[in-house]
């Protein structure tokens, strides 16, 4: 299940997004993926430079430094998983 996507059509230094998380997604793990623009079936995991969840998981923030041009970055919910703790710090430390 896909959340809002960020399409990269140039060579930006950084892309950044703040996402309001649907109530049905709160407490579920999310993953950042990318795919070539217009080809959502050709997905690959992407690594965020920074990720954070605030307001009890209702808002999610992520950034990617030097994103790949011609790709769309999006967050997806991992189905069938549950998180027992709230994220309130940089998630990159949890890899």
N, C-alpha and C. Protein backbone atom coordinates (compact mmCIF):
# COMPACT_ATOMS: atom_id res chain seq x y z
N UNK A 1 0.85 -1.17 0.00
CA UNK A 1 0.00 0.00 0.00
C UNK A 1 0.89 1.24 0.00
N UNK A 2 0.67 2.11 -0.95
CA UNK A 2 1.55 3.26 -1.16
C UNK A 2 0.97 4.52 -0.53
N UNK A 3 1.87 5.33 0.00
CA UNK A 3 1.54 6.65 0.51
C UNK A 3 1.92 7.65 -0.58
N UNK A 4 1.78 8.89 -0.33
CA UNK A 4 2.12 9.96 -1.27
C UNK A 4 3.53 9.78 -1.82
N UNK A 5 3.74 10.09 -3.10
CA UNK A 5 5.05 9.94 -3.73
C UNK A 5 5.67 11.29 -4.09
N UNK A 6 6.99 11.34 -4.15
CA UNK A 6 7.76 12.53 -4.48
C UNK A 6 8.53 12.23 -5.75
N UNK A 7 8.13 12.84 -6.87
CA UNK A 7 8.76 12.57 -8.16
C UNK A 7 9.95 13.50 -8.37
N UNK A 8 11.10 12.92 -8.71
CA UNK A 8 12.33 13.68 -8.94
C UNK A 8 12.57 13.79 -10.44
N UNK A 9 12.52 15.03 -10.96
CA UNK A 9 12.70 15.26 -12.39
C UNK A 9 13.98 16.02 -12.70
N UNK A 10 14.78 16.34 -11.69
CA UNK A 10 16.01 17.11 -11.88
C UNK A 10 17.09 16.48 -11.02
N UNK A 11 18.10 17.24 -10.66
CA UNK A 11 19.18 16.74 -9.81
C UNK A 11 19.25 17.57 -8.53
N UNK A 12 18.27 17.46 -7.65
CA UNK A 12 18.30 18.25 -6.42
C UNK A 12 19.35 17.72 -5.45
N UNK A 13 19.80 18.59 -4.58
CA UNK A 13 20.73 18.17 -3.51
C UNK A 13 19.99 17.32 -2.48
N UNK A 14 18.74 17.73 -2.15
CA UNK A 14 17.98 17.07 -1.08
C UNK A 14 16.51 17.08 -1.46
N UNK A 15 15.82 15.99 -1.13
CA UNK A 15 14.36 16.00 -1.16
C UNK A 15 13.90 15.74 0.27
N UNK A 16 12.80 16.36 0.64
CA UNK A 16 12.30 16.28 2.00
C UNK A 16 10.78 16.24 1.96
N UNK A 17 10.18 15.45 2.81
CA UNK A 17 8.72 15.38 2.85
C UNK A 17 8.23 15.22 4.28
N UNK A 18 7.11 15.85 4.56
CA UNK A 18 6.37 15.65 5.80
C UNK A 18 5.06 15.01 5.39
N UNK A 19 4.74 13.87 5.96
CA UNK A 19 3.55 13.11 5.56
C UNK A 19 2.62 12.97 6.76
N UNK A 20 1.35 13.32 6.56
CA UNK A 20 0.33 13.04 7.58
C UNK A 20 -0.05 11.57 7.42
N UNK A 21 0.19 10.79 8.44
CA UNK A 21 -0.01 9.35 8.37
C UNK A 21 -1.49 9.03 8.62
N UNK A 22 -2.13 8.25 7.73
CA UNK A 22 -3.52 7.87 7.97
C UNK A 22 -3.66 7.10 9.29
N UNK A 23 -4.75 7.30 9.98
CA UNK A 23 -4.95 6.64 11.27
C UNK A 23 -4.77 5.13 11.18
N UNK A 24 -5.19 4.54 10.08
CA UNK A 24 -5.08 3.09 9.94
C UNK A 24 -3.64 2.63 9.79
N UNK A 25 -2.70 3.55 9.50
CA UNK A 25 -1.29 3.21 9.35
C UNK A 25 -0.51 3.43 10.63
N UNK A 26 -1.05 4.19 11.57
CA UNK A 26 -0.30 4.53 12.78
C UNK A 26 0.07 3.26 13.55
N UNK A 27 1.33 3.16 13.94
CA UNK A 27 1.82 2.00 14.66
C UNK A 27 2.37 0.91 13.76
N UNK A 28 2.24 1.08 12.44
CA UNK A 28 2.76 0.10 11.49
C UNK A 28 4.12 0.57 10.98
N UNK A 29 5.04 -0.36 10.73
CA UNK A 29 6.32 0.04 10.16
C UNK A 29 6.14 0.52 8.72
N UNK A 30 6.92 1.53 8.36
CA UNK A 30 6.90 2.08 7.02
C UNK A 30 8.26 1.87 6.38
N UNK A 31 8.28 1.78 5.04
CA UNK A 31 9.56 1.64 4.34
C UNK A 31 9.57 2.61 3.17
N UNK A 32 10.75 3.17 2.91
CA UNK A 32 10.93 4.08 1.78
C UNK A 32 11.34 3.25 0.57
N UNK A 33 10.62 3.44 -0.52
CA UNK A 33 10.95 2.75 -1.77
C UNK A 33 11.05 3.79 -2.87
N UNK A 34 11.70 3.41 -3.96
CA UNK A 34 11.76 4.27 -5.14
C UNK A 34 11.50 3.41 -6.36
N UNK A 35 11.02 4.06 -7.40
CA UNK A 35 10.82 3.38 -8.68
C UNK A 35 11.00 4.40 -9.78
N UNK A 36 11.37 3.95 -10.98
CA UNK A 36 11.47 4.89 -12.09
C UNK A 36 10.12 5.60 -12.29
N UNK A 37 10.18 6.90 -12.58
CA UNK A 37 8.95 7.67 -12.79
C UNK A 37 8.04 6.94 -13.78
N UNK A 38 6.78 6.79 -13.39
CA UNK A 38 5.79 6.14 -14.25
C UNK A 38 5.85 4.62 -14.27
N UNK A 39 6.72 4.01 -13.45
CA UNK A 39 6.86 2.55 -13.42
C UNK A 39 6.76 2.04 -11.99
N UNK A 40 5.61 2.19 -11.33
CA UNK A 40 5.49 1.82 -9.91
C UNK A 40 5.67 0.33 -9.62
N UNK A 41 5.60 -0.52 -10.63
CA UNK A 41 5.81 -1.95 -10.40
C UNK A 41 7.28 -2.34 -10.33
N UNK A 42 8.17 -1.42 -10.64
CA UNK A 42 9.61 -1.68 -10.65
C UNK A 42 10.26 -1.02 -9.42
N UNK A 43 9.89 -1.46 -8.22
CA UNK A 43 10.32 -0.82 -6.98
C UNK A 43 11.60 -1.42 -6.41
N UNK A 44 12.32 -0.55 -5.70
CA UNK A 44 13.51 -0.98 -4.96
C UNK A 44 13.51 -0.23 -3.63
N UNK A 45 14.05 -0.86 -2.60
CA UNK A 45 14.18 -0.17 -1.32
C UNK A 45 15.12 1.01 -1.48
N UNK A 46 14.80 2.10 -0.83
CA UNK A 46 15.63 3.30 -0.86
C UNK A 46 16.02 3.62 0.58
N UNK A 47 17.18 4.22 0.75
CA UNK A 47 17.64 4.55 2.09
C UNK A 47 17.48 6.05 2.32
N UNK A 48 16.71 6.38 3.35
CA UNK A 48 16.54 7.79 3.72
C UNK A 48 17.78 8.25 4.48
N UNK A 49 18.16 9.49 4.25
CA UNK A 49 19.25 10.08 5.00
C UNK A 49 18.78 10.40 6.42
N UNK A 50 17.51 10.78 6.54
CA UNK A 50 16.93 11.11 7.84
C UNK A 50 15.46 10.71 7.83
N UNK A 51 14.99 10.13 8.94
CA UNK A 51 13.59 9.78 9.12
C UNK A 51 13.20 10.10 10.55
N UNK A 52 11.98 10.55 10.75
CA UNK A 52 11.48 10.78 12.10
C UNK A 52 9.97 10.70 12.10
N UNK A 53 9.42 10.25 13.20
CA UNK A 53 7.99 10.20 13.40
C UNK A 53 7.67 11.05 14.62
N UNK A 54 6.67 11.92 14.49
CA UNK A 54 6.31 12.81 15.60
C UNK A 54 4.80 12.77 15.84
N UNK A 55 4.39 13.39 16.92
CA UNK A 55 2.97 13.45 17.29
C UNK A 55 2.34 12.06 17.32
N UNK A 56 2.98 11.19 18.11
CA UNK A 56 2.50 9.82 18.32
C UNK A 56 2.31 9.06 17.02
N UNK A 57 3.21 9.30 16.07
CA UNK A 57 3.18 8.56 14.81
C UNK A 57 2.24 9.11 13.76
N UNK A 58 1.61 10.26 14.01
CA UNK A 58 0.65 10.79 13.05
C UNK A 58 1.32 11.62 11.94
N UNK A 59 2.59 12.01 12.14
CA UNK A 59 3.33 12.77 11.14
C UNK A 59 4.68 12.10 10.95
N UNK A 60 5.06 11.89 9.70
CA UNK A 60 6.32 11.24 9.39
C UNK A 60 7.13 12.16 8.49
N UNK A 61 8.42 12.31 8.79
CA UNK A 61 9.31 13.19 8.03
C UNK A 61 10.48 12.35 7.51
N UNK A 62 10.86 12.60 6.26
CA UNK A 62 12.03 11.92 5.71
C UNK A 62 12.76 12.85 4.74
N UNK A 63 14.06 12.58 4.58
CA UNK A 63 14.91 13.32 3.65
C UNK A 63 15.86 12.34 2.97
N UNK A 64 16.19 12.65 1.72
CA UNK A 64 17.20 11.89 0.98
C UNK A 64 18.15 12.90 0.36
N UNK A 65 19.45 12.77 0.66
CA UNK A 65 20.47 13.61 0.06
C UNK A 65 20.89 12.96 -1.25
N UNK A 66 20.98 13.75 -2.31
CA UNK A 66 21.34 13.30 -3.66
C UNK A 66 20.43 12.16 -4.13
N UNK A 67 19.13 12.42 -4.24
CA UNK A 67 18.22 11.38 -4.74
C UNK A 67 18.51 11.06 -6.21
N UNK A 68 18.11 9.89 -6.60
CA UNK A 68 18.34 9.44 -7.97
C UNK A 68 17.35 10.14 -8.92
N UNK A 69 17.90 10.82 -9.93
CA UNK A 69 17.07 11.53 -10.90
C UNK A 69 16.21 10.54 -11.69
N UNK A 70 14.98 10.95 -11.99
CA UNK A 70 14.08 10.10 -12.78
C UNK A 70 13.36 9.06 -11.96
N UNK A 71 13.38 9.21 -10.64
CA UNK A 71 12.71 8.24 -9.76
C UNK A 71 11.65 8.92 -8.91
N UNK A 72 10.68 8.15 -8.49
CA UNK A 72 9.68 8.59 -7.53
C UNK A 72 9.96 7.89 -6.21
N UNK A 73 10.02 8.66 -5.13
CA UNK A 73 10.23 8.13 -3.78
C UNK A 73 8.90 8.14 -3.05
N UNK A 74 8.59 7.05 -2.38
CA UNK A 74 7.33 6.95 -1.67
C UNK A 74 7.49 6.07 -0.43
N UNK A 75 6.60 6.26 0.52
CA UNK A 75 6.59 5.39 1.70
C UNK A 75 5.46 4.40 1.57
N UNK A 76 5.71 3.18 2.02
CA UNK A 76 4.70 2.14 2.02
C UNK A 76 4.62 1.54 3.41
N UNK A 77 3.43 1.09 3.74
CA UNK A 77 3.21 0.42 5.02
C UNK A 77 3.52 -1.06 4.84
N UNK A 78 4.27 -1.62 5.80
CA UNK A 78 4.52 -3.06 5.80
C UNK A 78 3.33 -3.74 6.45
N UNK A 79 2.62 -4.52 5.71
CA UNK A 79 1.42 -5.20 6.21
C UNK A 79 1.80 -6.33 7.17
N UNK A 80 0.98 -6.54 8.17
CA UNK A 80 1.15 -7.68 9.06
C UNK A 80 2.19 -7.50 10.14
N UNK A 81 2.71 -6.28 10.36
CA UNK A 81 3.69 -6.03 11.40
C UNK A 81 3.11 -5.04 12.40
N UNK A 82 3.61 -5.07 13.59
CA UNK A 82 3.19 -4.11 14.61
C UNK A 82 4.43 -3.57 15.30
N UNK A 83 4.39 -2.31 15.66
CA UNK A 83 5.48 -1.68 16.41
C UNK A 83 4.99 -1.46 17.83
N UNK A 84 5.79 -1.86 18.80
CA UNK A 84 5.38 -1.76 20.19
C UNK A 84 5.80 -0.45 20.83
N UNK A 85 6.70 0.29 20.20
CA UNK A 85 7.15 1.56 20.76
C UNK A 85 6.95 2.66 19.74
N UNK A 86 6.82 3.88 20.21
CA UNK A 86 6.69 5.03 19.31
C UNK A 86 8.07 5.52 18.90
N UNK A 87 8.21 5.92 17.63
CA UNK A 87 9.46 6.50 17.17
C UNK A 87 9.42 7.99 17.47
N UNK A 88 10.48 8.49 18.05
CA UNK A 88 10.53 9.93 18.30
C UNK A 88 11.92 10.48 18.02
N UNK A 89 12.79 9.66 17.41
CA UNK A 89 14.14 10.13 17.11
C UNK A 89 14.53 9.66 15.71
N UNK A 90 15.75 9.91 15.33
CA UNK A 90 16.26 9.55 14.02
C UNK A 90 16.23 8.03 13.85
N UNK A 91 15.45 7.56 12.89
CA UNK A 91 15.31 6.12 12.69
C UNK A 91 16.52 5.51 12.01
N UNK A 92 17.41 6.32 11.43
CA UNK A 92 18.57 5.76 10.76
C UNK A 92 19.48 5.05 11.74
N UNK A 93 19.37 5.35 13.02
CA UNK A 93 20.16 4.65 14.04
C UNK A 93 19.68 3.23 14.27
N UNK A 94 18.51 2.89 13.76
CA UNK A 94 17.91 1.58 14.00
C UNK A 94 18.19 0.58 12.88
N UNK A 95 18.98 0.95 11.90
CA UNK A 95 19.25 0.04 10.78
C UNK A 95 20.20 -1.04 11.18
